[in-house]
């Protein structure tokens, strides 16, 4: 159900993704994340095309964290910020973080390879149904994503929506 991957450029780190639908306690989850009771990024899955998009944002966040160049205060807020095509932090949280009314949540955890991760502890905090991470596209709001990332129909003829999104995420800092 969950997906755990090694970060290629930082093999000492693992990224675990969990996906839930029919979530009834988004408000409590958001508060727990803010208070540090959940050490993870809580993402609105309607803005996620594929788990790879999360992996790209996480890799960039870990890179910036290790180099002391983060634009936000924590690794998990940096992951959310890196999903955004803009450099506006509050806008990134509004669009990609979970809100009180959300009924689905994509949780991202970063941990050391030799660290034991208690996934059951995280799962027990979510009042919702866990689904396989590869089902995230079932929750994706394609129209919202195309509008936010300004993806033209011509662009989709030569590449996928995921390609276009990841390209914008990767190049937002290039000036």
N, C-alpha and C. Protein backbone atom coordinates (compact mmCIF):
# COMPACT_ATOMS: atom_id res chain seq x y z
N UNK A 1 0.82 -1.21 0.00
CA UNK A 1 0.00 0.00 0.00
C UNK A 1 0.85 1.26 0.00
N UNK A 2 1.89 1.27 0.83
CA UNK A 2 2.78 2.43 0.84
C UNK A 2 3.93 2.17 -0.13
N UNK A 3 4.66 3.23 -0.44
CA UNK A 3 5.76 3.14 -1.39
C UNK A 3 7.01 3.70 -0.71
N UNK A 4 8.06 2.90 -0.59
CA UNK A 4 9.32 3.36 0.00
C UNK A 4 10.41 3.23 -1.04
N UNK A 5 11.13 4.34 -1.25
CA UNK A 5 12.19 4.38 -2.25
C UNK A 5 13.44 5.04 -1.66
N UNK A 6 14.59 4.63 -2.17
CA UNK A 6 15.85 5.26 -1.79
C UNK A 6 16.04 6.49 -2.68
N UNK A 7 16.56 7.57 -2.10
CA UNK A 7 16.89 8.73 -2.92
C UNK A 7 18.22 8.43 -3.62
N UNK A 8 18.21 8.44 -4.93
CA UNK A 8 19.38 8.06 -5.71
C UNK A 8 20.62 8.88 -5.39
N UNK A 9 20.45 10.20 -5.27
CA UNK A 9 21.58 11.07 -5.00
C UNK A 9 21.98 11.10 -3.52
N UNK A 10 21.07 10.64 -2.67
CA UNK A 10 21.32 10.61 -1.23
C UNK A 10 20.90 9.24 -0.71
N UNK A 11 21.71 8.21 -1.00
CA UNK A 11 21.32 6.83 -0.68
C UNK A 11 21.12 6.54 0.80
N UNK A 12 21.56 7.44 1.66
CA UNK A 12 21.34 7.24 3.10
C UNK A 12 19.90 7.58 3.51
N UNK A 13 19.16 8.21 2.58
CA UNK A 13 17.78 8.61 2.86
C UNK A 13 16.77 7.74 2.11
N UNK A 14 15.66 7.48 2.78
CA UNK A 14 14.53 6.76 2.17
C UNK A 14 13.33 7.70 2.18
N UNK A 15 12.47 7.56 1.20
CA UNK A 15 11.23 8.33 1.13
C UNK A 15 10.08 7.34 1.13
N UNK A 16 9.17 7.53 2.06
CA UNK A 16 7.98 6.67 2.13
C UNK A 16 6.76 7.53 1.86
N UNK A 17 5.92 7.04 0.94
CA UNK A 17 4.69 7.74 0.59
C UNK A 17 3.49 6.88 0.97
N UNK A 18 2.48 7.54 1.55
CA UNK A 18 1.23 6.87 1.90
C UNK A 18 0.09 7.70 1.34
N UNK A 19 -0.96 7.04 0.89
CA UNK A 19 -2.09 7.74 0.29
C UNK A 19 -3.39 7.28 0.94
N UNK A 20 -4.24 8.26 1.27
CA UNK A 20 -5.52 7.96 1.91
C UNK A 20 -6.64 8.71 1.20
N UNK A 21 -7.80 8.05 1.13
CA UNK A 21 -9.00 8.71 0.62
C UNK A 21 -10.09 8.61 1.70
N UNK A 22 -11.20 9.29 1.49
CA UNK A 22 -12.31 9.32 2.46
C UNK A 22 -11.82 9.72 3.85
N UNK A 23 -10.92 10.69 3.89
CA UNK A 23 -10.35 11.16 5.16
C UNK A 23 -11.35 12.09 5.85
N UNK A 24 -11.59 11.82 7.12
CA UNK A 24 -12.57 12.59 7.88
C UNK A 24 -11.92 13.52 8.91
N UNK A 25 -10.60 13.43 9.10
CA UNK A 25 -9.95 14.23 10.13
C UNK A 25 -8.79 15.09 9.59
N UNK A 26 -9.01 15.72 8.44
CA UNK A 26 -7.97 16.55 7.82
C UNK A 26 -7.55 17.70 8.74
N UNK A 27 -8.50 18.28 9.45
CA UNK A 27 -8.18 19.39 10.37
C UNK A 27 -7.20 18.93 11.44
N UNK A 28 -7.49 17.78 12.06
CA UNK A 28 -6.62 17.25 13.12
C UNK A 28 -5.24 16.87 12.57
N UNK A 29 -5.22 16.28 11.38
CA UNK A 29 -3.95 15.89 10.76
C UNK A 29 -3.07 17.12 10.50
N UNK A 30 -3.69 18.17 9.98
CA UNK A 30 -2.95 19.39 9.69
C UNK A 30 -2.37 19.97 10.98
N UNK A 31 -3.18 19.97 12.04
CA UNK A 31 -2.70 20.48 13.34
C UNK A 31 -1.55 19.62 13.88
N UNK A 32 -1.67 18.30 13.73
CA UNK A 32 -0.60 17.40 14.19
C UNK A 32 0.70 17.67 13.44
N UNK A 33 0.60 17.93 12.14
CA UNK A 33 1.79 18.21 11.33
C UNK A 33 2.43 19.53 11.77
N UNK A 34 1.60 20.54 12.00
CA UNK A 34 2.10 21.85 12.44
C UNK A 34 2.79 21.73 13.80
N UNK A 35 2.22 20.92 14.69
CA UNK A 35 2.78 20.74 16.04
C UNK A 35 3.93 19.73 16.10
N UNK A 36 4.26 19.12 14.98
CA UNK A 36 5.36 18.16 14.94
C UNK A 36 5.00 16.77 15.41
N UNK A 37 3.70 16.51 15.61
CA UNK A 37 3.25 15.17 16.03
C UNK A 37 3.30 14.18 14.87
N UNK A 38 3.19 14.72 13.65
CA UNK A 38 3.39 13.91 12.45
C UNK A 38 4.60 14.52 11.76
N UNK A 39 5.66 13.75 11.68
CA UNK A 39 6.87 14.23 11.03
C UNK A 39 6.81 13.80 9.56
N UNK A 40 6.10 14.62 8.78
CA UNK A 40 5.93 14.33 7.37
C UNK A 40 5.28 15.49 6.66
N UNK A 41 5.27 15.43 5.34
CA UNK A 41 4.58 16.43 4.53
C UNK A 41 3.20 15.90 4.21
N UNK A 42 2.18 16.70 4.48
CA UNK A 42 0.80 16.32 4.17
C UNK A 42 0.39 17.10 2.93
N UNK A 43 0.18 16.36 1.86
CA UNK A 43 -0.03 16.96 0.55
C UNK A 43 -1.43 16.65 0.04
N UNK A 44 -2.01 17.63 -0.66
CA UNK A 44 -3.31 17.47 -1.29
C UNK A 44 -3.10 16.64 -2.57
N UNK A 45 -3.59 15.40 -2.60
CA UNK A 45 -3.32 14.54 -3.77
C UNK A 45 -4.00 14.99 -5.06
N UNK A 46 -4.95 15.91 -4.98
CA UNK A 46 -5.58 16.38 -6.22
C UNK A 46 -4.58 17.17 -7.07
N UNK A 47 -3.46 17.61 -6.45
CA UNK A 47 -2.44 18.36 -7.17
C UNK A 47 -1.23 17.50 -7.53
N UNK A 48 -1.37 16.18 -7.40
CA UNK A 48 -0.27 15.27 -7.69
C UNK A 48 -0.64 14.39 -8.89
N UNK A 49 0.22 14.38 -9.89
CA UNK A 49 0.00 13.58 -11.10
C UNK A 49 0.47 12.14 -10.89
N UNK A 50 1.61 12.01 -10.18
CA UNK A 50 2.25 10.71 -10.03
C UNK A 50 3.19 10.76 -8.82
N UNK A 51 3.48 9.61 -8.22
CA UNK A 51 4.38 9.54 -7.08
C UNK A 51 5.78 10.07 -7.43
N UNK A 52 6.15 10.00 -8.70
CA UNK A 52 7.46 10.50 -9.14
C UNK A 52 7.58 12.01 -8.89
N UNK A 53 6.48 12.73 -9.06
CA UNK A 53 6.44 14.18 -8.80
C UNK A 53 6.85 14.46 -7.35
N UNK A 54 6.36 13.64 -6.43
CA UNK A 54 6.69 13.78 -5.00
C UNK A 54 8.17 13.46 -4.77
N UNK A 55 8.66 12.44 -5.46
CA UNK A 55 10.06 12.03 -5.33
C UNK A 55 11.00 13.16 -5.79
N UNK A 56 10.64 13.83 -6.87
CA UNK A 56 11.45 14.94 -7.39
C UNK A 56 11.48 16.08 -6.36
N UNK A 57 10.31 16.44 -5.81
CA UNK A 57 10.24 17.51 -4.82
C UNK A 57 11.02 17.15 -3.56
N UNK A 58 10.95 15.90 -3.16
CA UNK A 58 11.65 15.43 -1.96
C UNK A 58 13.16 15.44 -2.18
N UNK A 59 13.60 14.97 -3.32
CA UNK A 59 15.03 14.95 -3.65
C UNK A 59 15.60 16.36 -3.60
N UNK A 60 14.88 17.29 -4.18
CA UNK A 60 15.33 18.69 -4.20
C UNK A 60 15.36 19.25 -2.76
N UNK A 61 14.35 18.92 -1.96
CA UNK A 61 14.29 19.39 -0.58
C UNK A 61 15.46 18.86 0.24
N UNK A 62 15.78 17.57 0.08
CA UNK A 62 16.91 16.97 0.82
C UNK A 62 18.22 17.63 0.37
N UNK A 63 18.37 17.86 -0.92
CA UNK A 63 19.56 18.51 -1.46
C UNK A 63 19.74 19.91 -0.83
N UNK A 64 18.66 20.70 -0.82
CA UNK A 64 18.72 22.05 -0.26
C UNK A 64 18.95 22.01 1.25
N UNK A 65 18.36 21.03 1.91
CA UNK A 65 18.52 20.86 3.36
C UNK A 65 19.98 20.57 3.70
N UNK A 66 20.58 19.65 2.96
CA UNK A 66 21.98 19.27 3.22
C UNK A 66 22.95 20.42 2.94
N UNK A 67 22.57 21.31 2.01
CA UNK A 67 23.42 22.44 1.64
C UNK A 67 23.06 23.73 2.38
N UNK A 68 22.09 23.65 3.29
CA UNK A 68 21.68 24.84 4.05
C UNK A 68 21.07 25.93 3.20
N UNK A 69 20.37 25.55 2.13
CA UNK A 69 19.81 26.54 1.19
C UNK A 69 18.27 26.50 1.11
N UNK A 70 17.62 25.91 2.11
CA UNK A 70 16.16 25.82 2.06
C UNK A 70 15.53 27.21 2.15
N UNK A 71 14.40 27.36 1.49
CA UNK A 71 13.66 28.63 1.54
C UNK A 71 12.59 28.61 2.64
N UNK A 72 12.30 27.43 3.16
CA UNK A 72 11.30 27.29 4.22
C UNK A 72 11.99 26.80 5.49
N UNK A 73 11.20 26.63 6.57
CA UNK A 73 11.79 26.31 7.87
C UNK A 73 12.04 24.83 8.13
N UNK A 74 11.41 23.95 7.35
CA UNK A 74 11.61 22.52 7.62
C UNK A 74 11.70 21.74 6.31
N UNK A 75 12.24 20.54 6.41
CA UNK A 75 12.36 19.67 5.25
C UNK A 75 10.98 19.39 4.64
N UNK A 76 9.99 19.16 5.50
CA UNK A 76 8.66 18.81 5.00
C UNK A 76 7.94 19.99 4.35
N UNK A 77 8.14 21.18 4.88
CA UNK A 77 7.54 22.35 4.22
C UNK A 77 8.26 22.62 2.90
N UNK A 78 9.55 22.29 2.85
CA UNK A 78 10.32 22.46 1.62
C UNK A 78 9.81 21.52 0.52
N UNK A 79 9.40 20.32 0.89
CA UNK A 79 8.84 19.38 -0.09
C UNK A 79 7.58 19.99 -0.71
N UNK A 80 6.69 20.51 0.13
CA UNK A 80 5.45 21.13 -0.35
C UNK A 80 5.78 22.32 -1.26
N UNK A 81 6.72 23.15 -0.81
CA UNK A 81 7.12 24.32 -1.60
C UNK A 81 7.69 23.91 -2.96
N UNK A 82 8.47 22.83 -3.00
CA UNK A 82 9.09 22.39 -4.25
C UNK A 82 8.10 21.84 -5.27
N UNK A 83 6.90 21.50 -4.84
CA UNK A 83 5.87 21.04 -5.77
C UNK A 83 5.31 22.20 -6.60
N UNK A 84 5.42 23.39 -6.06
CA UNK A 84 4.83 24.57 -6.68
C UNK A 84 5.64 25.10 -7.86
N UNK A 85 4.96 25.63 -8.88
CA UNK A 85 5.69 26.23 -10.00
C UNK A 85 6.14 27.67 -9.70
N UNK A 86 5.70 28.23 -8.57
CA UNK A 86 6.06 29.62 -8.22
C UNK A 86 6.96 29.65 -6.99
N UNK A 87 7.50 30.82 -6.69
CA UNK A 87 8.35 31.00 -5.52
C UNK A 87 7.60 31.59 -4.33
N UNK A 88 6.27 31.56 -4.37
CA UNK A 88 5.45 32.09 -3.29
C UNK A 88 5.16 30.96 -2.30
N UNK A 89 5.74 31.04 -1.11
CA UNK A 89 5.62 29.96 -0.12
C UNK A 89 4.17 29.79 0.35
N UNK A 90 3.50 30.88 0.69
CA UNK A 90 2.12 30.75 1.20
C UNK A 90 1.19 30.22 0.13
N UNK A 91 1.43 30.59 -1.12
CA UNK A 91 0.63 30.08 -2.24
C UNK A 91 0.85 28.57 -2.40
N UNK A 92 2.09 28.13 -2.23
CA UNK A 92 2.42 26.70 -2.33
C UNK A 92 1.66 25.91 -1.27
N UNK A 93 1.62 26.43 -0.05
CA UNK A 93 0.90 25.74 1.03
C UNK A 93 -0.59 25.69 0.76
N UNK A 94 -1.13 26.78 0.21
CA UNK A 94 -2.56 26.83 -0.11
C UNK A 94 -2.93 25.79 -1.17
N UNK A 95 -2.10 25.71 -2.19
CA UNK A 95 -2.40 24.82 -3.32
C UNK A 95 -2.02 23.35 -3.08
N UNK A 96 -0.91 23.12 -2.40
CA UNK A 96 -0.37 21.76 -2.29
C UNK A 96 -0.49 21.13 -0.91
N UNK A 97 -0.62 21.95 0.12
CA UNK A 97 -0.81 21.41 1.46
C UNK A 97 -2.27 21.00 1.63
N UNK A 98 -2.56 20.27 2.71
CA UNK A 98 -3.96 19.88 2.91
C UNK A 98 -4.70 21.01 3.61
N UNK A 99 -5.99 21.09 3.33
CA UNK A 99 -6.85 22.06 4.00
C UNK A 99 -7.85 21.28 4.86
N UNK A 100 -8.54 22.00 5.74
CA UNK A 100 -9.48 21.36 6.66
C UNK A 100 -10.60 20.59 5.96
N UNK A 101 -10.94 21.01 4.75
CA UNK A 101 -12.05 20.38 4.04
C UNK A 101 -11.64 19.22 3.13
N UNK A 102 -10.34 18.94 3.04
CA UNK A 102 -9.87 17.86 2.16
C UNK A 102 -10.32 16.48 2.65
N UNK A 103 -10.62 15.63 1.68
CA UNK A 103 -11.05 14.26 2.02
C UNK A 103 -10.01 13.22 1.58
N UNK A 104 -8.85 13.70 1.17
CA UNK A 104 -7.77 12.79 0.78
C UNK A 104 -6.45 13.44 1.21
N UNK A 105 -5.46 12.59 1.52
CA UNK A 105 -4.15 13.11 1.92
C UNK A 105 -3.05 12.17 1.44
N UNK A 106 -1.98 12.80 0.95
CA UNK A 106 -0.79 12.08 0.49
C UNK A 106 0.30 12.45 1.50
N UNK A 107 0.78 11.48 2.26
CA UNK A 107 1.76 11.74 3.31
C UNK A 107 3.15 11.30 2.82
N UNK A 108 4.14 12.19 3.02
CA UNK A 108 5.50 11.91 2.60
C UNK A 108 6.41 11.95 3.83
N UNK A 109 7.16 10.87 4.03
CA UNK A 109 8.07 10.75 5.16
C UNK A 109 9.49 10.56 4.64
N UNK A 110 10.44 11.26 5.24
CA UNK A 110 11.84 11.10 4.86
C UNK A 110 12.56 10.56 6.09
N UNK A 111 13.32 9.49 5.90
CA UNK A 111 14.00 8.87 7.04
C UNK A 111 15.34 8.29 6.61
N UNK A 112 16.23 8.13 7.58
CA UNK A 112 17.52 7.51 7.31
C UNK A 112 17.29 6.03 7.01
N UNK A 113 18.14 5.49 6.16
CA UNK A 113 18.03 4.10 5.74
C UNK A 113 18.04 3.13 6.93
N UNK A 114 18.86 3.42 7.93
CA UNK A 114 19.00 2.51 9.07
C UNK A 114 17.99 2.80 10.20
N UNK A 115 17.16 3.80 9.99
CA UNK A 115 16.15 4.17 10.99
C UNK A 115 14.89 3.31 10.81
N UNK A 116 14.31 2.87 11.92
CA UNK A 116 13.07 2.10 11.84
C UNK A 116 11.91 3.09 11.80
N UNK A 117 11.10 2.98 10.78
CA UNK A 117 9.97 3.87 10.60
C UNK A 117 8.70 3.17 11.07
N UNK A 118 7.96 3.80 11.96
CA UNK A 118 6.72 3.22 12.47
C UNK A 118 5.54 3.71 11.61
N UNK A 119 5.34 3.04 10.49
CA UNK A 119 4.27 3.42 9.56
C UNK A 119 2.91 3.23 10.19
N UNK A 120 2.76 2.18 10.99
CA UNK A 120 1.47 1.92 11.64
C UNK A 120 1.05 3.08 12.53
N UNK A 121 2.01 3.75 13.15
CA UNK A 121 1.70 4.90 14.00
C UNK A 121 1.06 6.02 13.16
N UNK A 122 1.62 6.28 11.99
CA UNK A 122 1.07 7.30 11.09
C UNK A 122 -0.31 6.87 10.60
N UNK A 123 -0.42 5.63 10.15
CA UNK A 123 -1.69 5.11 9.62
C UNK A 123 -2.79 5.23 10.67
N UNK A 124 -2.46 4.94 11.93
CA UNK A 124 -3.47 4.97 12.99
C UNK A 124 -4.00 6.38 13.25
N UNK A 125 -3.26 7.41 12.85
CA UNK A 125 -3.69 8.79 13.07
C UNK A 125 -4.67 9.27 12.00
N UNK A 126 -4.74 8.55 10.89
CA UNK A 126 -5.60 8.97 9.77
C UNK A 126 -6.93 8.24 9.83
N UNK A 127 -8.01 9.02 9.88
CA UNK A 127 -9.36 8.47 9.85
C UNK A 127 -9.80 8.45 8.38
N UNK A 128 -9.36 7.42 7.67
CA UNK A 128 -9.66 7.31 6.25
C UNK A 128 -9.18 5.96 5.74
N UNK A 129 -9.41 5.73 4.46
CA UNK A 129 -9.04 4.45 3.85
C UNK A 129 -7.70 4.58 3.13
N UNK A 130 -6.74 3.75 3.52
CA UNK A 130 -5.45 3.76 2.83
C UNK A 130 -5.60 3.06 1.49
N UNK A 131 -5.05 3.69 0.46
CA UNK A 131 -5.07 3.09 -0.88
C UNK A 131 -3.63 3.07 -1.41
N UNK A 132 -3.40 2.30 -2.45
CA UNK A 132 -2.06 2.19 -3.04
C UNK A 132 -1.63 3.54 -3.61
N UNK A 133 -0.37 3.89 -3.39
CA UNK A 133 0.17 5.17 -3.85
C UNK A 133 0.04 5.32 -5.37
N UNK A 134 0.15 4.22 -6.10
CA UNK A 134 0.03 4.32 -7.56
C UNK A 134 -1.39 4.65 -8.03
N UNK A 135 -2.33 4.76 -7.10
CA UNK A 135 -3.70 5.18 -7.44
C UNK A 135 -3.88 6.69 -7.30
N UNK A 136 -2.80 7.43 -7.05
CA UNK A 136 -2.90 8.87 -6.84
C UNK A 136 -3.54 9.57 -8.05
N UNK A 137 -3.31 9.04 -9.25
CA UNK A 137 -3.88 9.67 -10.45
C UNK A 137 -5.42 9.63 -10.44
N UNK A 138 -6.01 8.70 -9.67
CA UNK A 138 -7.47 8.65 -9.53
C UNK A 138 -7.99 9.87 -8.78
N UNK A 139 -7.13 10.51 -7.99
CA UNK A 139 -7.53 11.66 -7.18
C UNK A 139 -7.07 12.98 -7.79
N UNK A 140 -6.33 12.91 -8.89
CA UNK A 140 -5.75 14.09 -9.53
C UNK A 140 -6.82 14.96 -10.18
N UNK A 141 -6.71 16.28 -9.96
CA UNK A 141 -7.58 17.25 -10.63
C UNK A 141 -6.77 17.80 -11.82
N UNK A 142 -6.89 17.13 -12.95
CA UNK A 142 -6.08 17.45 -14.13
C UNK A 142 -6.28 18.89 -14.59
N UNK A 143 -7.53 19.36 -14.60
CA UNK A 143 -7.81 20.73 -15.07
C UNK A 143 -7.12 21.77 -14.17
N UNK A 144 -7.17 21.55 -12.86
CA UNK A 144 -6.53 22.46 -11.91
C UNK A 144 -5.00 22.47 -12.10
N UNK A 145 -4.44 21.31 -12.33
CA UNK A 145 -2.99 21.20 -12.53
C UNK A 145 -2.57 21.89 -13.82
N UNK A 146 -3.32 21.67 -14.91
CA UNK A 146 -2.99 22.31 -16.18
C UNK A 146 -3.04 23.83 -16.07
N UNK A 147 -4.03 24.32 -15.33
CA UNK A 147 -4.17 25.76 -15.16
C UNK A 147 -3.03 26.33 -14.31
N UNK A 148 -2.73 25.69 -13.18
CA UNK A 148 -1.69 26.19 -12.28
C UNK A 148 -0.32 26.18 -12.94
N UNK A 149 0.01 25.10 -13.63
CA UNK A 149 1.32 24.99 -14.27
C UNK A 149 1.36 25.60 -15.67
N UNK A 150 0.22 26.15 -16.12
CA UNK A 150 0.11 26.79 -17.43
C UNK A 150 0.57 25.86 -18.56
N UNK A 151 -0.08 24.70 -18.63
CA UNK A 151 0.30 23.70 -19.63
C UNK A 151 -0.61 23.83 -20.85
N UNK A 152 0.01 24.10 -21.99
CA UNK A 152 -0.72 24.29 -23.24
C UNK A 152 -1.02 22.94 -23.90
N UNK A 153 -2.12 22.86 -24.66
CA UNK A 153 -2.46 21.60 -25.32
C UNK A 153 -1.34 21.08 -26.24
N UNK A 154 -0.61 22.01 -26.90
CA UNK A 154 0.49 21.59 -27.78
C UNK A 154 1.57 20.83 -27.00
N UNK A 155 1.77 21.25 -25.76
CA UNK A 155 2.81 20.63 -24.93
C UNK A 155 2.50 19.17 -24.65
N UNK A 156 1.22 18.85 -24.50
CA UNK A 156 0.81 17.48 -24.20
C UNK A 156 0.96 16.56 -25.41
N UNK A 157 1.08 17.15 -26.59
CA UNK A 157 1.25 16.33 -27.79
C UNK A 157 2.66 15.75 -27.87
N UNK A 158 3.62 16.43 -27.23
CA UNK A 158 5.01 15.95 -27.32
C UNK A 158 5.52 15.36 -26.01
N UNK A 159 4.71 15.36 -24.97
CA UNK A 159 5.12 14.79 -23.68
C UNK A 159 3.91 14.60 -22.79
N UNK A 160 4.13 13.98 -21.66
CA UNK A 160 3.02 13.72 -20.74
C UNK A 160 2.80 14.90 -19.80
N UNK A 161 1.67 14.87 -19.11
CA UNK A 161 1.36 15.89 -18.10
C UNK A 161 2.44 15.85 -17.01
N UNK A 162 2.85 14.65 -16.61
CA UNK A 162 3.89 14.50 -15.60
C UNK A 162 5.19 15.16 -16.05
N UNK A 163 5.58 14.95 -17.32
CA UNK A 163 6.79 15.58 -17.87
C UNK A 163 6.72 17.10 -17.73
N UNK A 164 5.59 17.67 -18.09
CA UNK A 164 5.41 19.12 -18.06
C UNK A 164 5.49 19.65 -16.63
N UNK A 165 4.85 18.96 -15.69
CA UNK A 165 4.84 19.37 -14.29
C UNK A 165 6.23 19.31 -13.69
N UNK A 166 6.92 18.18 -13.89
CA UNK A 166 8.26 18.01 -13.33
C UNK A 166 9.24 19.01 -13.94
N UNK A 167 9.10 19.31 -15.21
CA UNK A 167 9.95 20.29 -15.87
C UNK A 167 9.79 21.66 -15.20
N UNK A 168 8.57 22.06 -14.92
CA UNK A 168 8.33 23.36 -14.28
C UNK A 168 8.84 23.38 -12.84
N UNK A 169 8.68 22.27 -12.15
CA UNK A 169 9.19 22.18 -10.76
C UNK A 169 10.71 22.32 -10.75
N UNK A 170 11.35 21.65 -11.70
CA UNK A 170 12.81 21.62 -11.74
C UNK A 170 13.42 22.96 -12.17
N UNK A 171 12.68 23.72 -12.96
CA UNK A 171 13.25 24.94 -13.51
C UNK A 171 12.76 26.22 -12.84
N UNK A 172 11.95 26.11 -11.79
CA UNK A 172 11.41 27.33 -11.18
C UNK A 172 12.50 28.24 -10.60
N UNK A 173 13.62 27.67 -10.18
CA UNK A 173 14.70 28.47 -9.60
C UNK A 173 15.65 29.03 -10.64
N UNK A 174 15.60 28.49 -11.85
CA UNK A 174 16.51 28.95 -12.91
C UNK A 174 16.08 30.33 -13.39
N UNK A 175 16.98 31.24 -13.37
CA UNK A 175 16.64 32.61 -13.81
C UNK A 175 17.64 33.12 -14.82
